[in-house]
C-alpha atoms as a PDB file:
ATOM      1  CA  MET A   1     -76.990  26.825 -26.559  1.00  0.00           C
ATOM      2  CA  VAL A   2     -74.426  24.563 -28.039  1.00  0.00           C
ATOM      3  CA  ARG A   3     -72.750  27.645 -29.425  1.00  0.00           C
ATOM      4  CA  ILE A   4     -72.310  29.217 -25.919  1.00  0.00           C
ATOM      5  CA  VAL A   5     -71.037  26.016 -24.369  1.00  0.00           C
ATOM      6  CA  LEU A   6     -68.380  25.758 -27.331  1.00  0.00           C
ATOM      7  CA  THR A   7     -67.449  29.308 -26.772  1.00  0.00           C
ATOM      8  CA  LEU A   8     -67.109  28.864 -23.020  1.00  0.00           C
ATOM      9  CA  MET A   9     -64.952  25.753 -23.358  1.00  0.00           C
ATOM     10  CA  THR A  10     -62.804  27.610 -25.972  1.00  0.00           C
ATOM     11  CA  LEU A  11     -62.357  30.293 -23.744  1.00  0.00           C
ATOM     12  CA  LEU A  12     -61.621  28.062 -20.830  1.00  0.00           C
ATOM     13  CA  PHE A  13     -59.039  25.997 -22.863  1.00  0.00           C
ATOM     14  CA  SER A  14     -57.450  29.281 -23.870  1.00  0.00           C
ATOM     15  CA  LEU A  15     -56.962  30.591 -20.611  1.00  0.00           C
ATOM     16  CA  THR A  16     -55.781  27.480 -18.874  1.00  0.00           C
ATOM     17  CA  GLY A  17     -53.208  26.882 -21.695  1.00  0.00           C
ATOM     18  CA  CYS A  18     -51.978  30.505 -21.101  1.00  0.00           C
ATOM     19  CA  SER A  19     -51.828  30.312 -17.335  1.00  0.00           C
ATOM     20  CA  ALA A  20     -50.018  26.882 -17.276  1.00  0.00           C
ATOM     21  CA  SER A  21     -47.486  27.974 -19.990  1.00  0.00           C
ATOM     22  CA  HIS A  22     -46.732  31.177 -18.040  1.00  0.00           C
ATOM     23  CA  ASN A  23     -46.342  29.565 -14.443  1.00  0.00           C
ATOM     24  CA  ALA A  24     -44.347  26.597 -15.724  1.00  0.00           C
ATOM     25  CA  THR A  25     -40.613  27.295 -16.467  1.00  0.00           C
ATOM     26  CA  THR A  26     -39.438  25.198 -19.106  1.00  0.00           C
ATOM     27  CA  LEU A  27     -35.787  24.676 -18.712  1.00  0.00           C
ATOM     28  CA  ASP A  28     -33.426  24.072 -21.764  1.00  0.00           C
ATOM     29  CA  HIS A  29     -30.456  21.379 -21.651  1.00  0.00           C
ATOM     30  CA  ASN A  30     -27.999  24.009 -20.135  1.00  0.00           C
ATOM     31  CA  ALA A  31     -30.493  25.373 -17.235  1.00  0.00           C
ATOM     32  CA  THR A  32     -31.143  21.579 -16.630  1.00  0.00           C
ATOM     33  CA  ALA A  33     -27.458  20.505 -16.383  1.00  0.00           C
ATOM     34  CA  ALA A  34     -27.084  23.599 -14.089  1.00  0.00           C
ATOM     35  CA  LYS A  35     -29.906  22.890 -11.900  1.00  0.00           C
ATOM     36  CA  ASP A  36     -29.164  19.445 -11.465  1.00  0.00           C
ATOM     37  CA  TYR A  37     -25.428  20.371 -10.491  1.00  0.00           C
ATOM     38  CA  LEU A  38     -26.778  22.433  -7.785  1.00  0.00           C
ATOM     39  CA  GLU A  39     -28.913  19.957  -6.406  1.00  0.00           C
ATOM     40  CA  SER A  40     -26.016  17.605  -6.462  1.00  0.00           C
ATOM     41  CA  LYS A  41     -24.166  20.026  -4.162  1.00  0.00           C
ATOM     42  CA  GLY A  42     -27.167  20.001  -1.734  1.00  0.00           C
ATOM     43  CA  TYR A  43     -28.467  23.402  -2.589  1.00  0.00           C
ATOM     44  CA  LYS A  44     -32.406  24.025  -2.768  1.00  0.00           C
ATOM     45  CA  VAL A  45     -33.514  25.840  -5.920  1.00  0.00           C
ATOM     46  CA  SER A  46     -35.791  28.660  -5.142  1.00  0.00           C
ATOM     47  CA  SER A  47     -36.006  29.713  -8.798  1.00  0.00           C
ATOM     48  CA  TYR A  48     -34.580  29.895 -12.190  1.00  0.00           C
ATOM     49  CA  GLU A  49     -33.731  33.195 -13.249  1.00  0.00           C
ATOM     50  CA  GLY A  50     -32.661  32.653 -16.741  1.00  0.00           C
ATOM     51  CA  SER A  51     -29.545  32.587 -19.027  1.00  0.00           C
ATOM     52  CA  SER A  52     -27.521  35.601 -18.053  1.00  0.00           C
ATOM     53  CA  GLU A  53     -24.771  35.477 -20.703  1.00  0.00           C
ATOM     54  CA  VAL A  54     -23.187  33.307 -23.488  1.00  0.00           C
ATOM     55  CA  TYR A  55     -19.259  33.850 -24.535  1.00  0.00           C
ATOM     56  CA  THR A  56     -16.506  32.245 -25.875  1.00  0.00           C
ATOM     57  CA  LEU A  57     -13.778  31.813 -23.070  1.00  0.00           C
ATOM     58  CA  THR A  58     -10.370  33.397 -24.276  1.00  0.00           C
ATOM     59  CA  LYS A  59      -7.124  34.278 -22.575  1.00  0.00           C
ATOM     60  CA  GLU A  60      -7.755  37.792 -23.391  1.00  0.00           C
ATOM     61  CA  LYS A  61     -11.421  37.449 -20.851  1.00  0.00           C
ATOM     62  CA  LEU A  62      -9.456  35.643 -18.351  1.00  0.00           C
ATOM     63  CA  MET A  63      -7.059  38.464 -17.961  1.00  0.00           C
ATOM     64  CA  ASN A  64      -9.979  41.005 -17.294  1.00  0.00           C
ATOM     65  CA  LEU A  65     -12.428  41.881 -14.872  1.00  0.00           C
ATOM     66  CA  PRO A  66     -14.974  40.408 -14.142  1.00  0.00           C
ATOM     67  CA  TYR A  67     -13.799  37.042 -15.852  1.00  0.00           C
ATOM     68  CA  SER A  68     -10.586  36.733 -13.878  1.00  0.00           C
ATOM     69  CA  ASN A  69     -12.337  36.943 -10.683  1.00  0.00           C
ATOM     70  CA  TYR A  70     -15.145  34.542 -11.862  1.00  0.00           C
ATOM     71  CA  TRP A  71     -12.717  31.871 -13.496  1.00  0.00           C
ATOM     72  CA  GLY A  72     -10.208  32.594 -10.553  1.00  0.00           C
ATOM     73  CA  LEU A  73     -12.830  31.204  -8.018  1.00  0.00           C
ATOM     74  CA  GLN A  74     -12.898  27.648  -9.817  1.00  0.00           C
ATOM     75  CA  THR A  75     -10.861  24.689  -8.337  1.00  0.00           C
ATOM     76  CA  GLU A  76     -10.459  23.377 -11.951  1.00  0.00           C
ATOM     77  CA  ASP A  77      -7.977  24.998 -14.324  1.00  0.00           C
ATOM     78  CA  PRO A  78      -9.968  27.339 -16.665  1.00  0.00           C
ATOM     79  CA  GLY A  79      -7.652  26.706 -19.361  1.00  0.00           C
ATOM     80  CA  VAL A  80      -9.457  23.420 -20.256  1.00  0.00           C
ATOM     81  CA  TYR A  81     -12.396  25.628 -21.481  1.00  0.00           C
ATOM     82  CA  LEU A  82     -10.375  28.032 -23.630  1.00  0.00           C
ATOM     83  CA  ASP A  83     -12.060  28.746 -26.838  1.00  0.00           C
ATOM     84  CA  LYS A  84     -15.240  26.780 -25.505  1.00  0.00           C
ATOM     85  CA  GLU A  85     -18.935  28.244 -25.472  1.00  0.00           C
ATOM     86  CA  VAL A  86     -19.568  29.240 -21.877  1.00  0.00           C
ATOM     87  CA  ASN A  87     -23.575  29.523 -21.021  1.00  0.00           C
ATOM     88  CA  VAL A  88     -23.954  31.051 -17.772  1.00  0.00           C
ATOM     89  CA  GLN A  89     -27.359  30.247 -15.924  1.00  0.00           C
ATOM     90  CA  LYS A  90     -28.526  31.977 -12.726  1.00  0.00           C
ATOM     91  CA  PHE A  91     -30.186  30.620  -9.820  1.00  0.00           C
ATOM     92  CA  ILE A  92     -31.699  31.623  -6.408  1.00  0.00           C
ATOM     93  CA  VAL A  93     -31.019  29.132  -3.932  1.00  0.00           C
ATOM     94  CA  THR A  94     -31.221  28.147   0.033  1.00  0.00           C
ATOM     95  CA  ASN A  95     -29.155  26.084   1.769  1.00  0.00           C
ATOM     96  CA  HIS A  96     -25.933  27.911   0.959  1.00  0.00           C
ATOM     97  CA  PRO A  97     -23.315  29.227   3.384  1.00  0.00           C
ATOM     98  CA  LEU A  98     -23.923  32.831   2.138  1.00  0.00           C
ATOM     99  CA  ASP A  99     -27.747  32.801   3.187  1.00  0.00           C
ATOM    100  CA  ASN A 100     -26.604  33.949   6.502  1.00  0.00           C
ATOM    101  CA  TRP A 101     -23.681  36.240   5.288  1.00  0.00           C
ATOM    102  CA  LYS A 102     -23.435  39.998   6.846  1.00  0.00           C
ATOM    103  CA  SER A 103     -20.896  42.599   6.230  1.00  0.00           C
ATOM    104  CA  THR A 104     -18.550  44.171   8.519  1.00  0.00           C
ATOM    105  CA  SER A 105     -18.757  47.628   9.388  1.00  0.00           C
ATOM    106  CA  ALA A 106     -17.544  49.912  12.383  1.00  0.00           C
ATOM    107  CA  LYS A 107     -21.111  51.401  12.251  1.00  0.00           C
ATOM    108  CA  PRO A 108     -24.113  49.170  12.619  1.00  0.00           C
ATOM    109  CA  GLU A 109     -26.100  51.094  10.342  1.00  0.00           C
ATOM    110  CA  ASN A 110     -23.670  50.238   7.704  1.00  0.00           C
ATOM    111  CA  ILE A 111     -23.890  46.537   8.055  1.00  0.00           C
ATOM    112  CA  VAL A 112     -25.633  44.619   5.108  1.00  0.00           C
ATOM    113  CA  LYS A 113     -27.360  41.338   5.702  1.00  0.00           C
ATOM    114  CA  SER A 114     -28.226  38.459   3.190  1.00  0.00           C
ATOM    115  CA  LYS A 115     -31.845  37.958   2.868  1.00  0.00           C
ATOM    116  CA  GLY A 116     -31.556  34.123   3.670  1.00  0.00           C
ATOM    117  CA  LYS A 117     -31.006  33.333  -0.142  1.00  0.00           C
ATOM    118  CA  THR A 118     -28.199  33.084  -2.415  1.00  0.00           C
ATOM    119  CA  ALA A 119     -27.712  34.039  -6.067  1.00  0.00           C
ATOM    120  CA  ILE A 120     -25.703  31.445  -8.144  1.00  0.00           C
ATOM    121  CA  TRP A 121     -24.305  31.679 -11.754  1.00  0.00           C
ATOM    122  CA  ILE A 122     -23.349  28.113 -13.177  1.00  0.00           C
ATOM    123  CA  TYR A 123     -20.996  27.690 -16.017  1.00  0.00           C
ATOM    124  CA  VAL A 124     -22.063  25.119 -18.417  1.00  0.00           C
ATOM    125  CA  VAL A 125     -19.593  23.906 -21.158  1.00  0.00           C
ATOM    126  CA  ASP A 126     -20.655  21.390 -23.685  1.00  0.00           C
ATOM    127  CA  ASN A 127     -23.840  20.620 -21.936  1.00  0.00           C
ATOM    128  CA  GLN A 128     -21.954  20.010 -18.599  1.00  0.00           C
ATOM    129  CA  ALA A 129     -21.772  22.142 -15.479  1.00  0.00           C
ATOM    130  CA  VAL A 130     -18.271  23.103 -14.748  1.00  0.00           C
ATOM    131  CA  GLY A 131     -18.248  25.571 -12.007  1.00  0.00           C
ATOM    132  CA  GLY A 132     -19.774  28.829 -11.186  1.00  0.00           C
ATOM    133  CA  HIS A 133     -19.843  31.833  -8.545  1.00  0.00           C
ATOM    134  CA  SER A 134     -22.289  32.832  -5.863  1.00  0.00           C
ATOM    135  CA  TYR A 135     -23.329  36.186  -4.219  1.00  0.00           C
ATOM    136  CA  PRO A 136     -25.728  36.782  -1.092  1.00  0.00           C
ATOM    137  CA  VAL A 137     -29.164  38.130  -2.084  1.00  0.00           C
ATOM    138  CA  ILE A 138     -29.170  41.486  -0.367  1.00  0.00           C
ATOM    139  CA  ASP A 139     -31.029  44.684  -0.789  1.00  0.00           C
ATOM    140  CA  GLN A 140     -28.533  47.138  -1.771  1.00  0.00           C
ATOM    141  CA  ALA A 141     -25.697  46.766  -4.273  1.00  0.00           C
ATOM    142  CA  MET A 142     -22.093  46.414  -2.751  1.00  0.00           C
ATOM    143  CA  ASP A 143     -18.685  47.149  -4.301  1.00  0.00           C
ATOM    144  CA  GLY A 144     -16.424  44.247  -4.374  1.00  0.00           C
ATOM    145  CA  GLY A 145     -16.147  40.616  -5.530  1.00  0.00           C
ATOM    146  CA  VAL A 146     -18.198  37.538  -5.803  1.00  0.00           C
ATOM    147  CA  TRP A 147     -17.598  34.201  -3.860  1.00  0.00           C
ATOM    148  CA  SER A 148     -16.850  30.594  -5.096  1.00  0.00           C
ATOM    149  CA  LEU A 149     -19.898  28.340  -5.803  1.00  0.00           C
ATOM    150  CA  ASP A 150     -19.665  27.189  -2.197  1.00  0.00           C
ATOM    151  CA  GLY A 151     -19.040  30.734  -0.786  1.00  0.00           C
ATOM    152  CA  ARG A 152     -15.379  30.835  -0.410  1.00  0.00           C
ATOM    153  CA  THR A 153     -13.156  33.736  -1.382  1.00  0.00           C
ATOM    154  CA  LEU A 154     -10.285  33.269  -4.065  1.00  0.00           C
ATOM    155  CA  GLU A 155      -7.705  33.141  -1.166  1.00  0.00           C
ATOM    156  CA  GLU A 156      -9.752  30.363   0.526  1.00  0.00           C
ATOM    157  CA  VAL A 157      -9.983  28.438  -2.873  1.00  0.00           C
ATOM    158  CA  HIS A 158      -6.356  28.426  -3.577  1.00  0.00           C
ATOM    159  CA  SER A 159      -4.747  28.839  -0.119  1.00  0.00           C
ATOM    160  CA  MET A 160      -2.681  31.470  -1.005  1.00  0.00           C
ATOM    161  CA  SER A 161      -2.678  35.244  -0.941  1.00  0.00           C
ATOM    162  CA  TYR A 162      -4.366  37.299  -3.713  1.00  0.00           C
ATOM    163  CA  LYS A 163      -1.062  38.604  -4.805  1.00  0.00           C
ATOM    164  CA  ALA A 164       0.418  35.241  -5.093  1.00  0.00           C
ATOM    165  CA  TRP A 165      -2.683  33.843  -7.053  1.00  0.00           C
ATOM    166  CA  LEU A 166      -2.387  36.875  -9.492  1.00  0.00           C
ATOM    167  CA  GLU A 167       1.214  36.156 -10.236  1.00  0.00           C
ATOM    168  CA  GLN A 168       0.444  32.649 -11.248  1.00  0.00           C
ATOM    169  CA  TRP A 169      -2.632  33.563 -13.131  1.00  0.00           C
ATOM    170  CA  GLU A 170      -0.895  36.403 -15.199  1.00  0.00           C
ATOM    171  CA  ALA A 171       2.107  33.795 -15.956  1.00  0.00           C
ATOM    172  CA  LYS A 172      -0.369  31.202 -17.226  1.00  0.00           C
ATOM    173  CA  PHE A 173      -2.950  33.356 -19.075  1.00  0.00           C
ATOM    174  CA  GLY A 174      -1.034  36.642 -19.946  1.00  0.00           C
ATOM    175  CA  SER A 175       0.273  37.278 -23.317  1.00  0.00           C
END
């Protein structure tokens, strides 16, 4: 009888331990910094999708897609982070301007709508969230770029045309 009880207790503890560790997502310091940053901006974190990329920011990266688009959407000068490691953390959030986004098309059947959620990638450098970009959660993939952390286009972030921005960008980060 004691043997049966001990076996059942061992089984119960092992199952409970497995399910608890499977359901609880433990965030590392980069993910915690990113989550805190998002919440400070008023976004409600629905899920943590993991670390999507780690790289060293270089002028070469800043001159090539997709990094020129990603870093071009920031309000702070990305030159501050040159030669530093960037850890990119992905989250799904709500309470974001892109939650209600929809594409435009002359044909109604071609219109794509957000599913009421937004994917956000946060850039963490030296354990500090320093920026990011966003994209509406949609059913089908689309061509095109991404939006700033708060859902603005590059032109809206910098109050200038893409052509004018690109000239400045190339002058600053080109070889």
